[in-house]
């Protein structure tokens, strides 16, 4: 089970998500553990084609907004 929102774990440098939550806000909450107090870190998330296209598009937009690298599998998704 993932820690409840609001808990603080200092000095986390890498978060690995073995799944992506359906709600992108929960994804942001998870990866935010690496970016506390001006620090940076790495978030690795495993995705597959069984994810809903809506969730994958939300992830693509989030990465674009953050000026992050867009993986090819997300880059080829077209917005409706």
PDB file of N, CA and C in Angstrom:
ATOM      1  N   UNK A   1       0.850  -1.180   0.000  1.00  0.00           N
ATOM      2  CA  UNK A   1       0.000   0.000   0.000  1.00  0.00           C
ATOM      3  C   UNK A   1       0.891   1.238   0.000  1.00  0.00           C
ATOM      4  N   UNK A   2       0.526   2.221  -0.780  1.00  0.00           N
ATOM      5  CA  UNK A   2       1.286   3.457  -0.905  1.00  0.00           C
ATOM      6  C   UNK A   2       1.058   4.328   0.330  1.00  0.00           C
ATOM      7  N   UNK A   3       2.080   5.056   0.780  1.00  0.00           N
ATOM      8  CA  UNK A   3       1.902   5.914   1.962  1.00  0.00           C
ATOM      9  C   UNK A   3       0.783   6.931   1.754  1.00  0.00           C
ATOM     10  N   UNK A   4       0.145   7.293   2.816  1.00  0.00           N
ATOM     11  CA  UNK A   4      -0.927   8.280   2.750  1.00  0.00           C
ATOM     12  C   UNK A   4      -0.372   9.634   2.359  1.00  0.00           C
ATOM     13  N   UNK A   5      -1.219  10.435   1.743  1.00  0.00           N
ATOM     14  CA  UNK A   5      -0.815  11.788   1.362  1.00  0.00           C
ATOM     15  C   UNK A   5      -0.440  12.570   2.608  1.00  0.00           C
ATOM     16  N   UNK A   6       0.575  13.421   2.461  1.00  0.00           N
ATOM     17  CA  UNK A   6       0.976  14.268   3.571  1.00  0.00           C
ATOM     18  C   UNK A   6       2.162  13.743   4.359  1.00  0.00           C
ATOM     19  N   UNK A   7       2.502  12.475   4.197  1.00  0.00           N
ATOM     20  CA  UNK A   7       3.668  11.942   4.885  1.00  0.00           C
ATOM     21  C   UNK A   7       4.918  12.425   4.173  1.00  0.00           C
ATOM     22  N   UNK A   8       5.977  12.661   4.918  1.00  0.00           N
ATOM     23  CA  UNK A   8       7.209  13.166   4.323  1.00  0.00           C
ATOM     24  C   UNK A   8       8.340  12.186   4.589  1.00  0.00           C
ATOM     25  N   UNK A   9       9.021  11.799   3.519  1.00  0.00           N
ATOM     26  CA  UNK A   9      10.179  10.927   3.610  1.00  0.00           C
ATOM     27  C   UNK A   9      11.346  11.696   3.001  1.00  0.00           C
ATOM     28  N   UNK A  10      12.212  12.259   3.825  1.00  0.00           N
ATOM     29  CA  UNK A  10      13.284  13.095   3.301  1.00  0.00           C
ATOM     30  C   UNK A  10      14.306  12.305   2.485  1.00  0.00           C
ATOM     31  N   UNK A  11      14.909  12.996   1.537  1.00  0.00           N
ATOM     32  CA  UNK A  11      16.034  12.479   0.752  1.00  0.00           C
ATOM     33  C   UNK A  11      15.726  11.276  -0.129  1.00  0.00           C
ATOM     34  N   UNK A  12      14.495  11.156  -0.592  1.00  0.00           N
ATOM     35  CA  UNK A  12      14.184  10.120  -1.577  1.00  0.00           C
ATOM     36  C   UNK A  12      14.688  10.620  -2.919  1.00  0.00           C
ATOM     37  N   UNK A  13      15.527   9.830  -3.572  1.00  0.00           N
ATOM     38  CA  UNK A  13      16.129  10.252  -4.828  1.00  0.00           C
ATOM     39  C   UNK A  13      15.537   9.565  -6.042  1.00  0.00           C
ATOM     40  N   UNK A  14      14.870   8.427  -5.851  1.00  0.00           N
ATOM     41  CA  UNK A  14      14.329   7.684  -6.978  1.00  0.00           C
ATOM     42  C   UNK A  14      13.058   6.970  -6.541  1.00  0.00           C
ATOM     43  N   UNK A  15      11.976   7.223  -7.266  1.00  0.00           N
ATOM     44  CA  UNK A  15      10.705   6.554  -7.028  1.00  0.00           C
ATOM     45  C   UNK A  15      10.453   5.639  -8.213  1.00  0.00           C
ATOM     46  N   UNK A  16      10.106   4.379  -7.936  1.00  0.00           N
ATOM     47  CA  UNK A  16       9.764   3.436  -8.996  1.00  0.00           C
ATOM     48  C   UNK A  16       8.297   3.054  -8.826  1.00  0.00           C
ATOM     49  N   UNK A  17       7.515   3.339  -9.860  1.00  0.00           N
ATOM     50  CA  UNK A  17       6.103   2.979  -9.877  1.00  0.00           C
ATOM     51  C   UNK A  17       5.943   1.731 -10.737  1.00  0.00           C
ATOM     52  N   UNK A  18       5.441   0.671 -10.160  1.00  0.00           N
ATOM     53  CA  UNK A  18       5.226  -0.552 -10.920  1.00  0.00           C
ATOM     54  C   UNK A  18       3.890  -0.531 -11.652  1.00  0.00           C
ATOM     55  N   UNK A  19       3.120   0.486 -11.379  1.00  0.00           N
ATOM     56  CA  UNK A  19       1.875   0.727 -12.111  1.00  0.00           C
ATOM     57  C   UNK A  19       1.626   2.222 -12.094  1.00  0.00           C
ATOM     58  N   UNK A  20       0.702   2.666 -12.917  1.00  0.00           N
ATOM     59  CA  UNK A  20       0.343   4.082 -12.921  1.00  0.00           C
ATOM     60  C   UNK A  20      -1.104   4.181 -12.468  1.00  0.00           C
ATOM     61  N   UNK A  21      -1.388   5.037 -11.498  1.00  0.00           N
ATOM     62  CA  UNK A  21      -2.767   5.165 -11.040  1.00  0.00           C
ATOM     63  C   UNK A  21      -3.659   5.734 -12.146  1.00  0.00           C
ATOM     64  N   UNK A  22      -4.928   5.424 -12.087  1.00  0.00           N
ATOM     65  CA  UNK A  22      -5.881   5.911 -13.088  1.00  0.00           C
ATOM     66  C   UNK A  22      -6.026   7.431 -13.032  1.00  0.00           C
ATOM     67  N   UNK A  23      -5.867   8.005 -11.851  1.00  0.00           N
ATOM     68  CA  UNK A  23      -5.974   9.452 -11.690  1.00  0.00           C
ATOM     69  C   UNK A  23      -4.581  10.061 -11.687  1.00  0.00           C
ATOM     70  N   UNK A  24      -4.321  10.985 -12.605  1.00  0.00           N
ATOM     71  CA  UNK A  24      -2.981  11.552 -12.763  1.00  0.00           C
ATOM     72  C   UNK A  24      -2.547  12.330 -11.509  1.00  0.00           C
ATOM     73  N   UNK A  25      -3.495  12.852 -10.739  1.00  0.00           N
ATOM     74  CA  UNK A  25      -3.148  13.554  -9.510  1.00  0.00           C
ATOM     75  C   UNK A  25      -2.463  12.620  -8.519  1.00  0.00           C
ATOM     76  N   UNK A  26      -2.890  11.359  -8.489  1.00  0.00           N
ATOM     77  CA  UNK A  26      -2.250  10.381  -7.604  1.00  0.00           C
ATOM     78  C   UNK A  26      -0.844  10.053  -8.089  1.00  0.00           C
ATOM     79  N   UNK A  27      -0.641  10.064  -9.394  1.00  0.00           N
ATOM     80  CA  UNK A  27       0.698   9.871  -9.946  1.00  0.00           C
ATOM     81  C   UNK A  27       1.606  11.021  -9.518  1.00  0.00           C
ATOM     82  N   UNK A  28       1.103  12.236  -9.627  1.00  0.00           N
ATOM     83  CA  UNK A  28       1.883  13.411  -9.226  1.00  0.00           C
ATOM     84  C   UNK A  28       2.240  13.315  -7.749  1.00  0.00           C
ATOM     85  N   UNK A  29       1.310  12.865  -6.945  1.00  0.00           N
ATOM     86  CA  UNK A  29       1.572  12.701  -5.508  1.00  0.00           C
ATOM     87  C   UNK A  29       2.697  11.704  -5.267  1.00  0.00           C
ATOM     88  N   UNK A  30       2.688  10.615  -6.011  1.00  0.00           N
ATOM     89  CA  UNK A  30       3.729   9.610  -5.851  1.00  0.00           C
ATOM     90  C   UNK A  30       5.105  10.146  -6.235  1.00  0.00           C
ATOM     91  N   UNK A  31       5.204  10.730  -7.416  1.00  0.00           N
ATOM     92  CA  UNK A  31       6.516  11.164  -7.884  1.00  0.00           C
ATOM     93  C   UNK A  31       6.998  12.390  -7.144  1.00  0.00           C
ATOM     94  N   UNK A  32       6.089  13.118  -6.520  1.00  0.00           N
ATOM     95  CA  UNK A  32       6.468  14.305  -5.766  1.00  0.00           C
ATOM     96  C   UNK A  32       7.347  14.003  -4.576  1.00  0.00           C
ATOM     97  N   UNK A  33       7.449  12.752  -4.203  1.00  0.00           N
ATOM     98  CA  UNK A  33       8.307  12.363  -3.077  1.00  0.00           C
ATOM     99  C   UNK A  33       9.766  12.660  -3.373  1.00  0.00           C
ATOM    100  N   UNK A  34      10.124  12.776  -4.676  1.00  0.00           N
ATOM    101  CA  UNK A  34      11.522  13.033  -5.027  1.00  0.00           C
ATOM    102  C   UNK A  34      11.826  14.520  -5.110  1.00  0.00           C
ATOM    103  N   UNK A  35      10.822  15.372  -5.071  1.00  0.00           N
ATOM    104  CA  UNK A  35      11.065  16.787  -5.310  1.00  0.00           C
ATOM    105  C   UNK A  35      10.735  17.694  -4.149  1.00  0.00           C
ATOM    106  N   UNK A  36      11.039  17.288  -2.970  1.00  0.00           N
ATOM    107  CA  UNK A  36      10.732  18.098  -1.792  1.00  0.00           C
ATOM    108  C   UNK A  36      11.823  19.131  -1.532  1.00  0.00           C
ATOM    109  N   UNK A  37      11.434  20.286  -1.093  1.00  0.00           N
ATOM    110  CA  UNK A  37      12.363  21.339  -0.659  1.00  0.00           C
ATOM    111  C   UNK A  37      13.386  21.708  -1.731  1.00  0.00           C
ATOM    112  N   UNK A  38      12.941  21.808  -2.971  1.00  0.00           N
ATOM    113  CA  UNK A  38      13.828  22.215  -4.048  1.00  0.00           C
ATOM    114  C   UNK A  38      14.762  21.136  -4.562  1.00  0.00           C
ATOM    115  N   UNK A  39      14.666  19.947  -4.019  1.00  0.00           N
ATOM    116  CA  UNK A  39      15.520  18.847  -4.471  1.00  0.00           C
ATOM    117  C   UNK A  39      14.914  18.231  -5.734  1.00  0.00           C
ATOM    118  N   UNK A  40      15.746  17.541  -6.481  1.00  0.00           N
ATOM    119  CA  UNK A  40      15.262  16.847  -7.668  1.00  0.00           C
ATOM    120  C   UNK A  40      15.516  15.360  -7.507  1.00  0.00           C
ATOM    121  N   UNK A  41      14.872  14.589  -8.352  1.00  0.00           N
ATOM    122  CA  UNK A  41      15.050  13.148  -8.301  1.00  0.00           C
ATOM    123  C   UNK A  41      14.554  12.523  -9.585  1.00  0.00           C
ATOM    124  N   UNK A  42      14.493  11.234  -9.584  1.00  0.00           N
ATOM    125  CA  UNK A  42      14.072  10.465 -10.756  1.00  0.00           C
ATOM    126  C   UNK A  42      12.823   9.674 -10.394  1.00  0.00           C
ATOM    127  N   UNK A  43      11.876   9.639 -11.344  1.00  0.00           N
ATOM    128  CA  UNK A  43      10.704   8.785 -11.201  1.00  0.00           C
ATOM    129  C   UNK A  43      10.659   7.866 -12.411  1.00  0.00           C
ATOM    130  N   UNK A  44      10.635   6.583 -12.151  1.00  0.00           N
ATOM    131  CA  UNK A  44      10.517   5.579 -13.207  1.00  0.00           C
ATOM    132  C   UNK A  44       9.151   4.938 -13.063  1.00  0.00           C
ATOM    133  N   UNK A  45       8.394   4.908 -14.165  1.00  0.00           N
ATOM    134  CA  UNK A  45       7.048   4.349 -14.123  1.00  0.00           C
ATOM    135  C   UNK A  45       6.881   3.341 -15.247  1.00  0.00           C
ATOM    136  N   UNK A  46       6.457   2.159 -14.894  1.00  0.00           N
ATOM    137  CA  UNK A  46       6.173   1.132 -15.887  1.00  0.00           C
ATOM    138  C   UNK A  46       4.752   1.310 -16.395  1.00  0.00           C
ATOM    139  N   UNK A  47       4.611   1.382 -17.713  1.00  0.00           N
ATOM    140  CA  UNK A  47       3.288   1.469 -18.320  1.00  0.00           C
ATOM    141  C   UNK A  47       3.179   0.368 -19.363  1.00  0.00           C
ATOM    142  N   UNK A  48       1.945   0.060 -19.734  1.00  0.00           N
ATOM    143  CA  UNK A  48       1.734  -0.901 -20.808  1.00  0.00           C
ATOM    144  C   UNK A  48       0.484  -0.514 -21.578  1.00  0.00           C
ATOM    145  N   UNK A  49       0.244  -1.203 -22.648  1.00  0.00           N
ATOM    146  CA  UNK A  49      -0.875  -0.843 -23.514  1.00  0.00           C
ATOM    147  C   UNK A  49      -2.232  -1.217 -22.918  1.00  0.00           C
ATOM    148  N   UNK A  50      -2.244  -1.841 -21.752  1.00  0.00           N
ATOM    149  CA  UNK A  50      -3.506  -2.135 -21.078  1.00  0.00           C
ATOM    150  C   UNK A  50      -4.010  -0.945 -20.274  1.00  0.00           C
ATOM    151  N   UNK A  51      -3.158   0.086 -20.112  1.00  0.00           N
ATOM    152  CA  UNK A  51      -3.577   1.306 -19.417  1.00  0.00           C
ATOM    153  C   UNK A  51      -4.636   2.001 -20.269  1.00  0.00           C
ATOM    154  N   UNK A  52      -5.516   2.732 -19.629  1.00  0.00           N
ATOM    155  CA  UNK A  52      -6.511   3.477 -20.401  1.00  0.00           C
ATOM    156  C   UNK A  52      -5.800   4.577 -21.189  1.00  0.00           C
ATOM    157  N   UNK A  53      -6.298   4.835 -22.374  1.00  0.00           N
ATOM    158  CA  UNK A  53      -5.691   5.875 -23.210  1.00  0.00           C
ATOM    159  C   UNK A  53      -5.805   7.237 -22.537  1.00  0.00           C
ATOM    160  N   UNK A  54      -6.871   7.467 -21.788  1.00  0.00           N
ATOM    161  CA  UNK A  54      -7.036   8.735 -21.074  1.00  0.00           C
ATOM    162  C   UNK A  54      -5.898   8.942 -20.079  1.00  0.00           C
ATOM    163  N   UNK A  55      -5.569   7.909 -19.318  1.00  0.00           N
ATOM    164  CA  UNK A  55      -4.481   8.007 -18.344  1.00  0.00           C
ATOM    165  C   UNK A  55      -3.155   8.259 -19.045  1.00  0.00           C
ATOM    166  N   UNK A  56      -2.915   7.554 -20.142  1.00  0.00           N
ATOM    167  CA  UNK A  56      -1.663   7.733 -20.878  1.00  0.00           C
ATOM    168  C   UNK A  56      -1.567   9.129 -21.487  1.00  0.00           C
ATOM    169  N   UNK A  57      -2.681   9.665 -21.984  1.00  0.00           N
ATOM    170  CA  UNK A  57      -2.686  11.032 -22.512  1.00  0.00           C
ATOM    171  C   UNK A  57      -2.447  12.043 -21.392  1.00  0.00           C
ATOM    172  N   UNK A  58      -3.036  11.802 -20.226  1.00  0.00           N
ATOM    173  CA  UNK A  58      -2.790  12.683 -19.077  1.00  0.00           C
ATOM    174  C   UNK A  58      -1.306  12.683 -18.716  1.00  0.00           C
ATOM    175  N   UNK A  59      -0.682  11.506 -18.748  1.00  0.00           N
ATOM    176  CA  UNK A  59       0.738  11.406 -18.454  1.00  0.00           C
ATOM    177  C   UNK A  59       1.554  12.151 -19.506  1.00  0.00           C
ATOM    178  N   UNK A  60       1.191  11.992 -20.765  1.00  0.00           N
ATOM    179  CA  UNK A  60       1.892  12.686 -21.847  1.00  0.00           C
ATOM    180  C   UNK A  60       1.828  14.200 -21.640  1.00  0.00           C
ATOM    181  N   UNK A  61       0.648  14.718 -21.326  1.00  0.00           N
ATOM    182  CA  UNK A  61       0.493  16.160 -21.100  1.00  0.00           C
ATOM    183  C   UNK A  61       1.288  16.628 -19.890  1.00  0.00           C
ATOM    184  N   UNK A  62       1.302  15.831 -18.846  1.00  0.00           N
ATOM    185  CA  UNK A  62       2.061  16.172 -17.648  1.00  0.00           C
ATOM    186  C   UNK A  62       3.552  16.267 -17.964  1.00  0.00           C
ATOM    187  N   UNK A  63       4.058  15.321 -18.720  1.00  0.00           N
ATOM    188  CA  UNK A  63       5.474  15.339 -19.104  1.00  0.00           C
ATOM    189  C   UNK A  63       5.784  16.535 -20.006  1.00  0.00           C
ATOM    190  N   UNK A  64       4.868  16.849 -20.918  1.00  0.00           N
ATOM    191  CA  UNK A  64       5.066  18.011 -21.788  1.00  0.00           C
ATOM    192  C   UNK A  64       5.126  19.294 -20.975  1.00  0.00           C
ATOM    193  N   UNK A  65       4.205  19.451 -20.038  1.00  0.00           N
ATOM    194  CA  UNK A  65       4.172  20.648 -19.194  1.00  0.00           C
ATOM    195  C   UNK A  65       5.462  20.789 -18.391  1.00  0.00           C
ATOM    196  N   UNK A  66       6.005  19.669 -17.950  1.00  0.00           N
ATOM    197  CA  UNK A  66       7.228  19.685 -17.153  1.00  0.00           C
ATOM    198  C   UNK A  66       8.495  19.701 -17.992  1.00  0.00           C
ATOM    199  N   UNK A  67       8.322  19.814 -19.313  1.00  0.00           N
ATOM    200  CA  UNK A  67       9.465  19.837 -20.242  1.00  0.00           C
ATOM    201  C   UNK A  67      10.357  18.598 -20.057  1.00  0.00           C
ATOM    202  N   UNK A  68       9.695  17.457 -19.898  1.00  0.00           N
ATOM    203  CA  UNK A  68      10.385  16.181 -19.742  1.00  0.00           C
ATOM    204  C   UNK A  68      10.412  15.435 -21.077  1.00  0.00           C
ATOM    205  N   UNK A  69      11.286  14.455 -21.171  1.00  0.00           N
ATOM    206  CA  UNK A  69      11.358  13.614 -22.371  1.00  0.00           C
ATOM    207  C   UNK A  69      10.079  12.791 -22.481  1.00  0.00           C
ATOM    208  N   UNK A  70       9.514  12.744 -23.677  1.00  0.00           N
ATOM    209  CA  UNK A  70       8.292  11.976 -23.922  1.00  0.00           C
ATOM    210  C   UNK A  70       8.695  10.635 -24.530  1.00  0.00           C
ATOM    211  N   UNK A  71       8.409   9.529 -23.856  1.00  0.00           N
ATOM    212  CA  UNK A  71       8.738   8.220 -24.426  1.00  0.00           C
ATOM    213  C   UNK A  71       7.974   7.998 -25.743  1.00  0.00           C
ATOM    214  N   UNK A  72       8.567   7.283 -26.691  1.00  0.00           N
ATOM    215  CA  UNK A  72       7.926   7.070 -27.993  1.00  0.00           C
ATOM    216  C   UNK A  72       6.508   6.512 -27.912  1.00  0.00           C
ATOM    217  N   UNK A  73       6.259   5.610 -26.986  1.00  0.00           N
ATOM    218  CA  UNK A  73       4.919   5.018 -26.878  1.00  0.00           C
ATOM    219  C   UNK A  73       3.867   6.085 -26.541  1.00  0.00           C
ATOM    220  N   UNK A  74       4.252   7.111 -25.794  1.00  0.00           N
ATOM    221  CA  UNK A  74       3.328   8.206 -25.485  1.00  0.00           C
ATOM    222  C   UNK A  74       3.304   9.241 -26.613  1.00  0.00           C
ATOM    223  N   UNK A  75       4.444   9.475 -27.239  1.00  0.00           N
ATOM    224  CA  UNK A  75       4.523  10.468 -28.300  1.00  0.00           C
ATOM    225  C   UNK A  75       3.617  10.109 -29.473  1.00  0.00           C
ATOM    226  N   UNK A  76       3.434   8.821 -29.724  1.00  0.00           N
ATOM    227  CA  UNK A  76       2.596   8.430 -30.865  1.00  0.00           C
ATOM    228  C   UNK A  76       1.106   8.474 -30.567  1.00  0.00           C
ATOM    229  N   UNK A  77       0.719   8.736 -29.319  1.00  0.00           N
ATOM    230  CA  UNK A  77      -0.701   8.891 -28.994  1.00  0.00           C
ATOM    231  C   UNK A  77      -1.217  10.234 -29.507  1.00  0.00           C
ATOM    232  N   UNK A  78      -2.366  10.210 -30.162  1.00  0.00           N
ATOM    233  CA  UNK A  78      -2.979  11.440 -30.659  1.00  0.00           C
ATOM    234  C   UNK A  78      -4.111  11.865 -29.746  1.00  0.00           C
ATOM    235  N   UNK A  79      -4.186  13.168 -29.493  1.00  0.00           N
ATOM    236  CA  UNK A  79      -5.293  13.688 -28.700  1.00  0.00           C
ATOM    237  C   UNK A  79      -6.580  13.590 -29.508  1.00  0.00           C
ATOM    238  N   UNK A  80      -7.677  13.259 -28.837  1.00  0.00           N
ATOM    239  CA  UNK A  80      -8.968  13.171 -29.559  1.00  0.00           C
ATOM    240  C   UNK A  80      -9.432  14.529 -30.059  1.00  0.00           C
TER     241      UNK A  80
END
